[in-house]
Amino acid sequence: VSVAVVDGTGLNMHGLLEALLRQFGYVVEFDSPNELFAMLRMFVLH
């Protein structure tokens, strides 16, 4: 089971998605929330 733990204080969509991806071991290279969500979505579904 893959696990991510983040502190949500003040996080917007971009900050939350980036924090989750880093917790799951990704090197984040996108700036767009849509691109970040697409990457996280692919990981979660897989």
All heavy atoms as atom14 arrays in JSON, in Angstrom:
{
  "sequence": "VSVAVVDGTGLNMHGLLEALLRQFGYVVEFDSPNELFAMLRMFVLH",
  "atom14_mask": [
    [1, 1, 1, 1, 1, 1, 1, 0, 0, 0, 0, 0, 0, 0],
    [1, 1, 1, 1, 1, 1, 0, 0, 0, 0, 0, 0, 0, 0],
    [1, 1, 1, 1, 1, 1, 1, 0, 0, 0, 0, 0, 0, 0],
    [1, 1, 1, 1, 1, 0, 0, 0, 0, 0, 0, 0, 0, 0],
    [1, 1, 1, 1, 1, 1, 1, 0, 0, 0, 0, 0, 0, 0],
    [1, 1, 1, 1, 1, 1, 1, 0, 0, 0, 0, 0, 0, 0],
    [1, 1, 1, 1, 1, 1, 1, 1, 0, 0, 0, 0, 0, 0],
    [1, 1, 1, 1, 0, 0, 0, 0, 0, 0, 0, 0, 0, 0],
    [1, 1, 1, 1, 1, 1, 1, 0, 0, 0, 0, 0, 0, 0],
    [1, 1, 1, 1, 0, 0, 0, 0, 0, 0, 0, 0, 0, 0],
    [1, 1, 1, 1, 1, 1, 1, 1, 0, 0, 0, 0, 0, 0],
    [1, 1, 1, 1, 1, 1, 1, 1, 0, 0, 0, 0, 0, 0],
    [1, 1, 1, 1, 1, 1, 1, 1, 0, 0, 0, 0, 0, 0],
    [1, 1, 1, 1, 1, 1, 1, 1, 1, 1, 0, 0, 0, 0],
    [1, 1, 1, 1, 0, 0, 0, 0, 0, 0, 0, 0, 0, 0],
    [1, 1, 1, 1, 1, 1, 1, 1, 0, 0, 0, 0, 0, 0],
    [1, 1, 1, 1, 1, 1, 1, 1, 0, 0, 0, 0, 0, 0],
    [1, 1, 1, 1, 1, 1, 1, 1, 1, 0, 0, 0, 0, 0],
    [1, 1, 1, 1, 1, 0, 0, 0, 0, 0, 0, 0, 0, 0],
    [1, 1, 1, 1, 1, 1, 1, 1, 0, 0, 0, 0, 0, 0],
    [1, 1, 1, 1, 1, 1, 1, 1, 0, 0, 0, 0, 0, 0],
    [1, 1, 1, 1, 1, 1, 1, 1, 1, 1, 1, 0, 0, 0],
    [1, 1, 1, 1, 1, 1, 1, 1, 1, 0, 0, 0, 0, 0],
    [1, 1, 1, 1, 1, 1, 1, 1, 1, 1, 1, 0, 0, 0],
    [1, 1, 1, 1, 0, 0, 0, 0, 0, 0, 0, 0, 0, 0],
    [1, 1, 1, 1, 1, 1, 1, 1, 1, 1, 1, 1, 0, 0],
    [1, 1, 1, 1, 1, 1, 1, 0, 0, 0, 0, 0, 0, 0],
    [1, 1, 1, 1, 1, 1, 1, 0, 0, 0, 0, 0, 0, 0],
    [1, 1, 1, 1, 1, 1, 1, 1, 1, 0, 0, 0, 0, 0],
    [1, 1, 1, 1, 1, 1, 1, 1, 1, 1, 1, 0, 0, 0],
    [1, 1, 1, 1, 1, 1, 1, 1, 0, 0, 0, 0, 0, 0],
    [1, 1, 1, 1, 1, 1, 0, 0, 0, 0, 0, 0, 0, 0],
    [1, 1, 1, 1, 1, 1, 1, 0, 0, 0, 0, 0, 0, 0],
    [1, 1, 1, 1, 1, 1, 1, 1, 0, 0, 0, 0, 0, 0],
    [1, 1, 1, 1, 1, 1, 1, 1, 1, 0, 0, 0, 0, 0],
    [1, 1, 1, 1, 1, 1, 1, 1, 0, 0, 0, 0, 0, 0],
    [1, 1, 1, 1, 1, 1, 1, 1, 1, 1, 1, 0, 0, 0],
    [1, 1, 1, 1, 1, 0, 0, 0, 0, 0, 0, 0, 0, 0],
    [1, 1, 1, 1, 1, 1, 1, 1, 0, 0, 0, 0, 0, 0],
    [1, 1, 1, 1, 1, 1, 1, 1, 0, 0, 0, 0, 0, 0],
    [1, 1, 1, 1, 1, 1, 1, 1, 1, 1, 1, 0, 0, 0],
    [1, 1, 1, 1, 1, 1, 1, 1, 0, 0, 0, 0, 0, 0],
    [1, 1, 1, 1, 1, 1, 1, 1, 1, 1, 1, 0, 0, 0],
    [1, 1, 1, 1, 1, 1, 1, 0, 0, 0, 0, 0, 0, 0],
    [1, 1, 1, 1, 1, 1, 1, 1, 0, 0, 0, 0, 0, 0],
    [1, 1, 1, 1, 1, 1, 1, 1, 1, 1, 0, 0, 0, 0]
  ],
  "atom14_positions": [
    [[0.85, -1.2, 0.0], [0.0, 0.0, 0.0], [0.88, 1.25, 0.0], [1.71, 1.43, 0.9], [-0.94, 0.03, 1.22], [-1.74, 1.33, 1.26], [-1.89, -1.16, 1.2], [0.0, 0.0, 0.0], [0.0, 0.0, 0.0], [0.0, 0.0, 0.0], [0.0, 0.0, 0.0], [0.0, 0.0, 0.0], [0.0, 0.0, 0.0], [0.0, 0.0, 0.0]],
    [[0.72, 2.1, -1.01], [1.46, 3.36, -1.07], [0.81, 4.38, -0.14], [-0.42, 4.46, -0.05], [1.47, 3.9, -2.5], [2.15, 3.0, -3.37], [0.0, 0.0, 0.0], [0.0, 0.0, 0.0], [0.0, 0.0, 0.0], [0.0, 0.0, 0.0], [0.0, 0.0, 0.0], [0.0, 0.0, 0.0], [0.0, 0.0, 0.0], [0.0, 0.0, 0.0]],
    [[1.65, 5.16, 0.57], [1.15, 6.07, 1.6], [1.72, 7.46, 1.39], [2.91, 7.62, 1.06], [1.53, 5.55, 3.0], [1.15, 6.57, 4.07], [0.86, 4.22, 3.29], [0.0, 0.0, 0.0], [0.0, 0.0, 0.0], [0.0, 0.0, 0.0], [0.0, 0.0, 0.0], [0.0, 0.0, 0.0], [0.0, 0.0, 0.0], [0.0, 0.0, 0.0]],
    [[0.88, 8.47, 1.6], [1.33, 9.87, 1.61], [0.71, 10.57, 2.8], [-0.5, 10.42, 3.05], [0.95, 10.58, 0.32], [0.0, 0.0, 0.0], [0.0, 0.0, 0.0], [0.0, 0.0, 0.0], [0.0, 0.0, 0.0], [0.0, 0.0, 0.0], [0.0, 0.0, 0.0], [0.0, 0.0, 0.0], [0.0, 0.0, 0.0], [0.0, 0.0, 0.0]],
    [[1.51, 11.32, 3.56], [1.02, 12.09, 4.71], [1.46, 13.53, 4.52], [2.65, 13.82, 4.41], [1.58, 11.54, 6.03], [1.02, 12.33, 7.21], [1.26, 10.06, 6.19], [0.0, 0.0, 0.0], [0.0, 0.0, 0.0], [0.0, 0.0, 0.0], [0.0, 0.0, 0.0], [0.0, 0.0, 0.0], [0.0, 0.0, 0.0], [0.0, 0.0, 0.0]],
    [[0.49, 14.45, 4.48], [0.81, 15.86, 4.29], [0.04, 16.71, 5.29], [-1.01, 16.32, 5.78], [0.48, 16.33, 2.85], [1.26, 15.54, 1.82], [-1.02, 16.24, 2.57], [0.0, 0.0, 0.0], [0.0, 0.0, 0.0], [0.0, 0.0, 0.0], [0.0, 0.0, 0.0], [0.0, 0.0, 0.0], [0.0, 0.0, 0.0], [0.0, 0.0, 0.0]],
    [[0.6, 17.88, 5.59], [-0.07, 18.88, 6.42], [-0.85, 19.8, 5.49], [-0.28, 20.46, 4.62], [0.95, 19.67, 7.22], [0.32, 20.65, 8.19], [-0.88, 20.96, 8.05], [1.03, 21.12, 9.1], [0.0, 0.0, 0.0], [0.0, 0.0, 0.0], [0.0, 0.0, 0.0], [0.0, 0.0, 0.0], [0.0, 0.0, 0.0], [0.0, 0.0, 0.0]],
    [[-2.17, 19.85, 5.66], [-3.0, 20.61, 4.74], [-3.08, 22.09, 5.01], [-3.76, 22.81, 4.25], [0.0, 0.0, 0.0], [0.0, 0.0, 0.0], [0.0, 0.0, 0.0], [0.0, 0.0, 0.0], [0.0, 0.0, 0.0], [0.0, 0.0, 0.0], [0.0, 0.0, 0.0], [0.0, 0.0, 0.0], [0.0, 0.0, 0.0], [0.0, 0.0, 0.0]],
    [[-2.41, 22.58, 6.03], [-2.55, 23.99, 6.4], [-2.21, 24.91, 5.24], [-1.07, 24.96, 4.77], [-1.63, 24.32, 7.6], [-1.92, 23.44, 8.69], [-1.85, 25.76, 8.05], [0.0, 0.0, 0.0], [0.0, 0.0, 0.0], [0.0, 0.0, 0.0], [0.0, 0.0, 0.0], [0.0, 0.0, 0.0], [0.0, 0.0, 0.0], [0.0, 0.0, 0.0]],
    [[-3.23, 25.62, 4.77], [-3.05, 26.63, 3.73], [-2.81, 26.1, 2.34], [-2.6, 26.89, 1.4], [0.0, 0.0, 0.0], [0.0, 0.0, 0.0], [0.0, 0.0, 0.0], [0.0, 0.0, 0.0], [0.0, 0.0, 0.0], [0.0, 0.0, 0.0], [0.0, 0.0, 0.0], [0.0, 0.0, 0.0], [0.0, 0.0, 0.0], [0.0, 0.0, 0.0]],
    [[-2.83, 24.79, 2.13], [-2.53, 24.25, 0.8], [-3.69, 24.48, -0.16], [-4.84, 24.16, 0.15], [-2.23, 22.75, 0.89], [-0.91, 22.33, 1.53], [-0.75, 20.82, 1.47], [0.27, 23.02, 0.87], [0.0, 0.0, 0.0], [0.0, 0.0, 0.0], [0.0, 0.0, 0.0], [0.0, 0.0, 0.0], [0.0, 0.0, 0.0], [0.0, 0.0, 0.0]],
    [[-3.37, 25.01, -1.35], [-4.36, 25.08, -2.41], [-4.23, 23.83, -3.27], [-3.47, 22.91, -2.94], [-4.18, 26.36, -3.24], [-2.78, 26.46, -3.84], [-2.04, 25.49, -3.89], [-2.41, 27.66, -4.29], [0.0, 0.0, 0.0], [0.0, 0.0, 0.0], [0.0, 0.0, 0.0], [0.0, 0.0, 0.0], [0.0, 0.0, 0.0], [0.0, 0.0, 0.0]],
    [[-4.95, 23.8, -4.38], [-4.93, 22.6, -5.21], [-3.52, 22.28, -5.7], [-3.06, 21.13, -5.6], [-5.87, 22.77, -6.41], [-5.88, 21.57, -7.35], [-7.01, 21.76, -8.75], [-8.59, 21.58, -7.93], [0.0, 0.0, 0.0], [0.0, 0.0, 0.0], [0.0, 0.0, 0.0], [0.0, 0.0, 0.0], [0.0, 0.0, 0.0], [0.0, 0.0, 0.0]],
    [[-2.82, 23.3, -6.2], [-1.47, 23.08, -6.73], [-0.54, 22.57, -5.62], [0.2, 21.59, -5.8], [-0.92, 24.38, -7.33], [0.42, 24.22, -7.98], [1.6, 24.15, -7.26], [0.78, 24.12, -9.29], [2.61, 24.01, -8.08], [2.14, 23.99, -9.32], [0.0, 0.0, 0.0], [0.0, 0.0, 0.0], [0.0, 0.0, 0.0], [0.0, 0.0, 0.0]],
    [[-0.57, 23.22, -4.45], [0.31, 22.83, -3.36], [0.03, 21.42, -2.86], [0.95, 20.66, -2.55], [0.0, 0.0, 0.0], [0.0, 0.0, 0.0], [0.0, 0.0, 0.0], [0.0, 0.0, 0.0], [0.0, 0.0, 0.0], [0.0, 0.0, 0.0], [0.0, 0.0, 0.0], [0.0, 0.0, 0.0], [0.0, 0.0, 0.0], [0.0, 0.0, 0.0]],
    [[-1.26, 21.07, -2.75], [-1.63, 19.74, -2.27], [-1.19, 18.66, -3.24], [-0.59, 17.66, -2.85], [-3.14, 19.67, -2.04], [-3.69, 18.3, -1.62], [-3.08, 17.88, -0.28], [-5.21, 18.32, -1.54], [0.0, 0.0, 0.0], [0.0, 0.0, 0.0], [0.0, 0.0, 0.0], [0.0, 0.0, 0.0], [0.0, 0.0, 0.0], [0.0, 0.0, 0.0]],
    [[-1.48, 18.86, -4.54], [-1.13, 17.85, -5.54], [0.39, 17.67, -5.6], [0.89, 16.54, -5.7], [-1.67, 18.25, -6.91], [-3.2, 18.3, -7.02], [-3.61, 18.84, -8.39], [-3.81, 16.92, -6.79], [0.0, 0.0, 0.0], [0.0, 0.0, 0.0], [0.0, 0.0, 0.0], [0.0, 0.0, 0.0], [0.0, 0.0, 0.0], [0.0, 0.0, 0.0]],
    [[1.13, 18.77, -5.54], [2.59, 18.68, -5.59], [3.13, 17.95, -4.36], [4.03, 17.1, -4.47], [3.2, 20.08, -5.68], [4.71, 20.07, -5.81], [5.3, 21.46, -6.03], [4.51, 22.4, -6.3], [6.53, 21.6, -5.93], [0.0, 0.0, 0.0], [0.0, 0.0, 0.0], [0.0, 0.0, 0.0], [0.0, 0.0, 0.0], [0.0, 0.0, 0.0]],
    [[2.59, 18.25, -3.18], [3.04, 17.59, -1.95], [2.76, 16.09, -2.0], [3.6, 15.28, -1.59], [2.35, 18.22, -0.74], [0.0, 0.0, 0.0], [0.0, 0.0, 0.0], [0.0, 0.0, 0.0], [0.0, 0.0, 0.0], [0.0, 0.0, 0.0], [0.0, 0.0, 0.0], [0.0, 0.0, 0.0], [0.0, 0.0, 0.0], [0.0, 0.0, 0.0]],
    [[1.6, 15.7, -2.52], [1.24, 14.28, -2.61], [2.17, 13.56, -3.58], [2.64, 12.45, -3.3], [-0.21, 14.13, -3.04], [-1.27, 14.57, -2.01], [-2.66, 14.5, -2.62], [-1.19, 13.7, -0.76], [0.0, 0.0, 0.0], [0.0, 0.0, 0.0], [0.0, 0.0, 0.0], [0.0, 0.0, 0.0], [0.0, 0.0, 0.0], [0.0, 0.0, 0.0]],
    [[2.42, 14.16, -4.73], [3.3, 13.53, -5.71], [4.71, 13.33, -5.14], [5.33, 12.28, -5.36], [3.35, 14.36, -6.99], [2.1, 14.26, -7.89], [2.11, 15.35, -8.96], [2.03, 12.87, -8.54], [0.0, 0.0, 0.0], [0.0, 0.0, 0.0], [0.0, 0.0, 0.0], [0.0, 0.0, 0.0], [0.0, 0.0, 0.0], [0.0, 0.0, 0.0]],
    [[5.22, 14.31, -4.43], [6.55, 14.18, -3.83], [6.55, 13.06, -2.79], [7.53, 12.31, -2.67], [6.99, 15.5, -3.21], [7.25, 16.61, -4.23], [7.88, 17.83, -3.59], [7.95, 18.93, -4.52], [8.88, 19.06, -5.48], [9.82, 18.12, -5.6], [8.89, 20.11, -6.28], [0.0, 0.0, 0.0], [0.0, 0.0, 0.0], [0.0, 0.0, 0.0]],
    [[5.47, 12.95, -2.01], [5.37, 11.88, -1.02], [5.37, 10.5, -1.69], [5.9, 9.54, -1.15], [4.1, 12.04, -0.2], [4.14, 13.15, 0.83], [4.77, 12.7, 2.12], [4.38, 11.7, 2.7], [5.78, 13.42, 2.57], [0.0, 0.0, 0.0], [0.0, 0.0, 0.0], [0.0, 0.0, 0.0], [0.0, 0.0, 0.0], [0.0, 0.0, 0.0]],
    [[4.78, 10.42, -2.87], [4.74, 9.16, -3.59], [6.01, 8.92, -4.41], [6.09, 7.95, -5.17], [3.52, 9.12, -4.52], [2.22, 8.92, -3.79], [1.14, 9.76, -4.02], [2.07, 7.89, -2.88], [-0.07, 9.57, -3.36], [0.86, 7.69, -2.21], [-0.2, 8.53, -2.44], [0.0, 0.0, 0.0], [0.0, 0.0, 0.0], [0.0, 0.0, 0.0]],
    [[7.0, 9.8, -4.27], [8.29, 9.56, -4.88], [8.52, 10.18, -6.24], [9.52, 9.89, -6.9], [0.0, 0.0, 0.0], [0.0, 0.0, 0.0], [0.0, 0.0, 0.0], [0.0, 0.0, 0.0], [0.0, 0.0, 0.0], [0.0, 0.0, 0.0], [0.0, 0.0, 0.0], [0.0, 0.0, 0.0], [0.0, 0.0, 0.0], [0.0, 0.0, 0.0]],
    [[7.64, 11.08, -6.67], [7.78, 11.71, -7.98], [8.64, 12.97, -7.89], [8.6, 13.7, -6.9], [6.42, 12.09, -8.55], [5.67, 10.93, -9.17], [4.92, 10.07, -8.38], [5.72, 10.7, -10.54], [4.22, 9.0, -8.93], [5.04, 9.63, -11.11], [4.29, 8.79, -10.3], [3.62, 7.73, -10.86], [0.0, 0.0, 0.0], [0.0, 0.0, 0.0]],
    [[9.4, 13.22, -8.95], [10.07, 14.49, -9.14], [9.13, 15.36, -9.97], [8.84, 15.06, -11.13], [11.42, 14.33, -9.87], [12.05, 15.7, -10.12], [12.36, 13.45, -9.05], [0.0, 0.0, 0.0], [0.0, 0.0, 0.0], [0.0, 0.0, 0.0], [0.0, 0.0, 0.0], [0.0, 0.0, 0.0], [0.0, 0.0, 0.0], [0.0, 0.0, 0.0]],
    [[8.61, 16.42, -9.37], [7.57, 17.21, -10.01], [8.19, 18.2, -10.99], [9.05, 19.01, -10.61], [6.73, 17.96, -8.95], [5.66, 18.81, -9.62], [6.1, 16.96, -7.98], [0.0, 0.0, 0.0], [0.0, 0.0, 0.0], [0.0, 0.0, 0.0], [0.0, 0.0, 0.0], [0.0, 0.0, 0.0], [0.0, 0.0, 0.0], [0.0, 0.0, 0.0]],
    [[7.75, 18.13, -12.24], [8.29, 19.01, -13.27], [7.2, 19.83, -13.96], [7.47, 20.53, -14.93], [9.03, 18.18, -14.33], [10.23, 17.42, -13.76], [10.91, 16.56, -14.8], [10.3, 16.37, -15.89], [12.03, 16.07, -14.54], [0.0, 0.0, 0.0], [0.0, 0.0, 0.0], [0.0, 0.0, 0.0], [0.0, 0.0, 0.0], [0.0, 0.0, 0.0]],
    [[5.96, 19.73, -13.46], [4.85, 20.46, -14.07], [4.43, 21.62, -13.18], [4.56, 21.57, -11.95], [3.65, 19.53, -14.3], [3.95, 18.37, -15.21], [3.97, 17.07, -14.73], [4.22, 18.58, -16.56], [4.24, 16.01, -15.56], [4.49, 17.52, -17.4], [4.51, 16.23, -16.9], [0.0, 0.0, 0.0], [0.0, 0.0, 0.0], [0.0, 0.0, 0.0]],
    [[3.9, 22.66, -13.8], [3.41, 23.82, -13.07], [1.89, 23.9, -13.06], [1.3, 24.55, -12.2], [3.97, 25.11, -13.68], [5.47, 25.21, -13.49], [5.96, 24.73, -12.44], [6.15, 25.76, -14.37], [0.0, 0.0, 0.0], [0.0, 0.0, 0.0], [0.0, 0.0, 0.0], [0.0, 0.0, 0.0], [0.0, 0.0, 0.0], [0.0, 0.0, 0.0]],
    [[1.25, 23.26, -14.0], [-0.2, 23.35, -14.14], [-0.9, 22.37, -13.21], [-0.53, 21.18, -13.16], [-0.61, 23.06, -15.58], [-1.99, 22.79, -15.67], [0.0, 0.0, 0.0], [0.0, 0.0, 0.0], [0.0, 0.0, 0.0], [0.0, 0.0, 0.0], [0.0, 0.0, 0.0], [0.0, 0.0, 0.0], [0.0, 0.0, 0.0], [0.0, 0.0, 0.0]],
    [[-1.9, 22.82, -12.44], [-2.66, 21.89, -11.59], [-3.28, 20.76, -12.4], [-3.36, 19.63, -11.89], [-3.74, 22.79, -10.97], [-3.14, 24.15, -10.96], [-2.32, 24.22, -12.21], [0.0, 0.0, 0.0], [0.0, 0.0, 0.0], [0.0, 0.0, 0.0], [0.0, 0.0, 0.0], [0.0, 0.0, 0.0], [0.0, 0.0, 0.0], [0.0, 0.0, 0.0]],
    [[-3.7, 21.04, -13.63], [-4.29, 19.98, -14.46], [-3.27, 18.9, -14.76], [-3.58, 17.7, -14.74], [-4.83, 20.57, -15.76], [-6.09, 21.39, -15.53], [-6.8, 21.19, -14.55], [-6.37, 22.32, -16.43], [0.0, 0.0, 0.0], [0.0, 0.0, 0.0], [0.0, 0.0, 0.0], [0.0, 0.0, 0.0], [0.0, 0.0, 0.0], [0.0, 0.0, 0.0]],
    [[-2.03, 19.3, -15.05], [-0.98, 18.32, -15.33], [-0.61, 17.54, -14.07], [-0.37, 16.32, -14.13], [0.25, 19.03, -15.9], [0.04, 19.62, -17.29], [1.24, 20.43, -17.75], [1.75, 21.25, -16.95], [1.65, 20.23, -18.92], [0.0, 0.0, 0.0], [0.0, 0.0, 0.0], [0.0, 0.0, 0.0], [0.0, 0.0, 0.0], [0.0, 0.0, 0.0]],
    [[-0.57, 18.23, -12.94], [-0.27, 17.56, -11.68], [-1.35, 16.54, -11.34], [-1.05, 15.41, -10.92], [-0.15, 18.59, -10.55], [1.04, 19.55, -10.62], [0.92, 20.61, -9.52], [2.35, 18.79, -10.47], [0.0, 0.0, 0.0], [0.0, 0.0, 0.0], [0.0, 0.0, 0.0], [0.0, 0.0, 0.0], [0.0, 0.0, 0.0], [0.0, 0.0, 0.0]],
    [[-2.6, 16.94, -11.53], [-3.7, 16.02, -11.22], [-3.67, 14.82, -12.17], [-3.93, 13.68, -11.75], [-5.04, 16.73, -11.31], [-6.2, 15.85, -10.88], [-6.5, 15.7, -9.54], [-6.96, 15.17, -11.81], [-7.54, 14.88, -9.13], [-8.01, 14.35, -11.42], [-8.29, 14.2, -10.07], [0.0, 0.0, 0.0], [0.0, 0.0, 0.0], [0.0, 0.0, 0.0]],
    [[-3.36, 15.05, -13.45], [-3.3, 13.95, -14.4], [-2.23, 12.94, -14.0], [-2.43, 11.71, -14.08], [-3.03, 14.49, -15.81], [0.0, 0.0, 0.0], [0.0, 0.0, 0.0], [0.0, 0.0, 0.0], [0.0, 0.0, 0.0], [0.0, 0.0, 0.0], [0.0, 0.0, 0.0], [0.0, 0.0, 0.0], [0.0, 0.0, 0.0], [0.0, 0.0, 0.0]],
    [[-1.07, 13.44, -13.55], [0.01, 12.55, -13.12], [-0.41, 11.76, -11.88], [-0.2, 10.54, -11.8], [1.26, 13.36, -12.81], [2.44, 12.51, -12.34], [3.89, 13.51, -11.89], [4.37, 14.09, -13.5], [0.0, 0.0, 0.0], [0.0, 0.0, 0.0], [0.0, 0.0, 0.0], [0.0, 0.0, 0.0], [0.0, 0.0, 0.0], [0.0, 0.0, 0.0]],
    [[-1.02, 12.44, -10.9], [-1.46, 11.77, -9.68], [-2.58, 10.79, -9.97], [-2.62, 9.68, -9.42], [-1.91, 12.81, -8.65], [-2.28, 12.28, -7.26], [-1.11, 11.51, -6.65], [-2.69, 13.44, -6.35], [0.0, 0.0, 0.0], [0.0, 0.0, 0.0], [0.0, 0.0, 0.0], [0.0, 0.0, 0.0], [0.0, 0.0, 0.0], [0.0, 0.0, 0.0]],
    [[-3.47, 11.16, -10.84], [-4.58, 10.28, -11.23], [-4.04, 8.98, -11.84], [-4.49, 7.88, -11.5], [-5.5, 11.0, -12.22], [-6.64, 10.14, -12.76], [-7.48, 10.95, -13.74], [-8.58, 10.17, -14.26], [-8.47, 9.32, -15.29], [-7.29, 9.2, -15.92], [-9.52, 8.63, -15.71], [0.0, 0.0, 0.0], [0.0, 0.0, 0.0], [0.0, 0.0, 0.0]],
    [[-3.07, 9.09, -12.73], [-2.49, 7.91, -13.37], [-1.85, 6.99, -12.33], [-2.02, 5.77, -12.37], [-1.45, 8.35, -14.41], [-0.79, 7.2, -15.16], [0.31, 7.78, -16.46], [1.53, 8.68, -15.47], [0.0, 0.0, 0.0], [0.0, 0.0, 0.0], [0.0, 0.0, 0.0], [0.0, 0.0, 0.0], [0.0, 0.0, 0.0], [0.0, 0.0, 0.0]],
    [[-1.12, 7.59, -11.37], [-0.48, 6.8, -10.32], [-1.53, 6.09, -9.46], [-1.42, 4.88, -9.2], [0.39, 7.7, -9.46], [0.91, 7.03, -8.22], [1.98, 6.15, -8.28], [0.31, 7.27, -6.98], [2.44, 5.52, -7.13], [0.77, 6.64, -5.84], [1.84, 5.76, -5.91], [0.0, 0.0, 0.0], [0.0, 0.0, 0.0], [0.0, 0.0, 0.0]],
    [[-2.54, 6.82, -9.03], [-3.56, 6.27, -8.14], [-4.3, 5.12, -8.81], [-4.5, 4.04, -8.23], [-4.54, 7.37, -7.71], [-5.81, 6.76, -7.11], [-3.88, 8.31, -6.7], [0.0, 0.0, 0.0], [0.0, 0.0, 0.0], [0.0, 0.0, 0.0], [0.0, 0.0, 0.0], [0.0, 0.0, 0.0], [0.0, 0.0, 0.0], [0.0, 0.0, 0.0]],
    [[-4.73, 5.32, -10.05], [-5.48, 4.29, -10.76], [-4.62, 3.05, -10.99], [-5.1, 1.91, -10.89], [-6.0, 4.84, -12.09], [-7.04, 5.95, -11.99], [-7.44, 6.45, -13.37], [-8.27, 5.48, -11.22], [0.0, 0.0, 0.0], [0.0, 0.0, 0.0], [0.0, 0.0, 0.0], [0.0, 0.0, 0.0], [0.0, 0.0, 0.0], [0.0, 0.0, 0.0]],
    [[-3.34, 3.25, -11.31], [-2.45, 2.1, -11.53], [-2.26, 1.32, -10.23], [-2.3, 0.08, -10.22], [-1.1, 2.59, -12.06], [-0.11, 1.48, -12.26], [0.81, 1.13, -11.29], [0.09, 0.63, -13.31], [1.54, 0.12, -11.73], [1.13, -0.2, -12.96], [0.0, 0.0, 0.0], [0.0, 0.0, 0.0], [0.0, 0.0, 0.0], [0.0, 0.0, 0.0]]
  ]
}
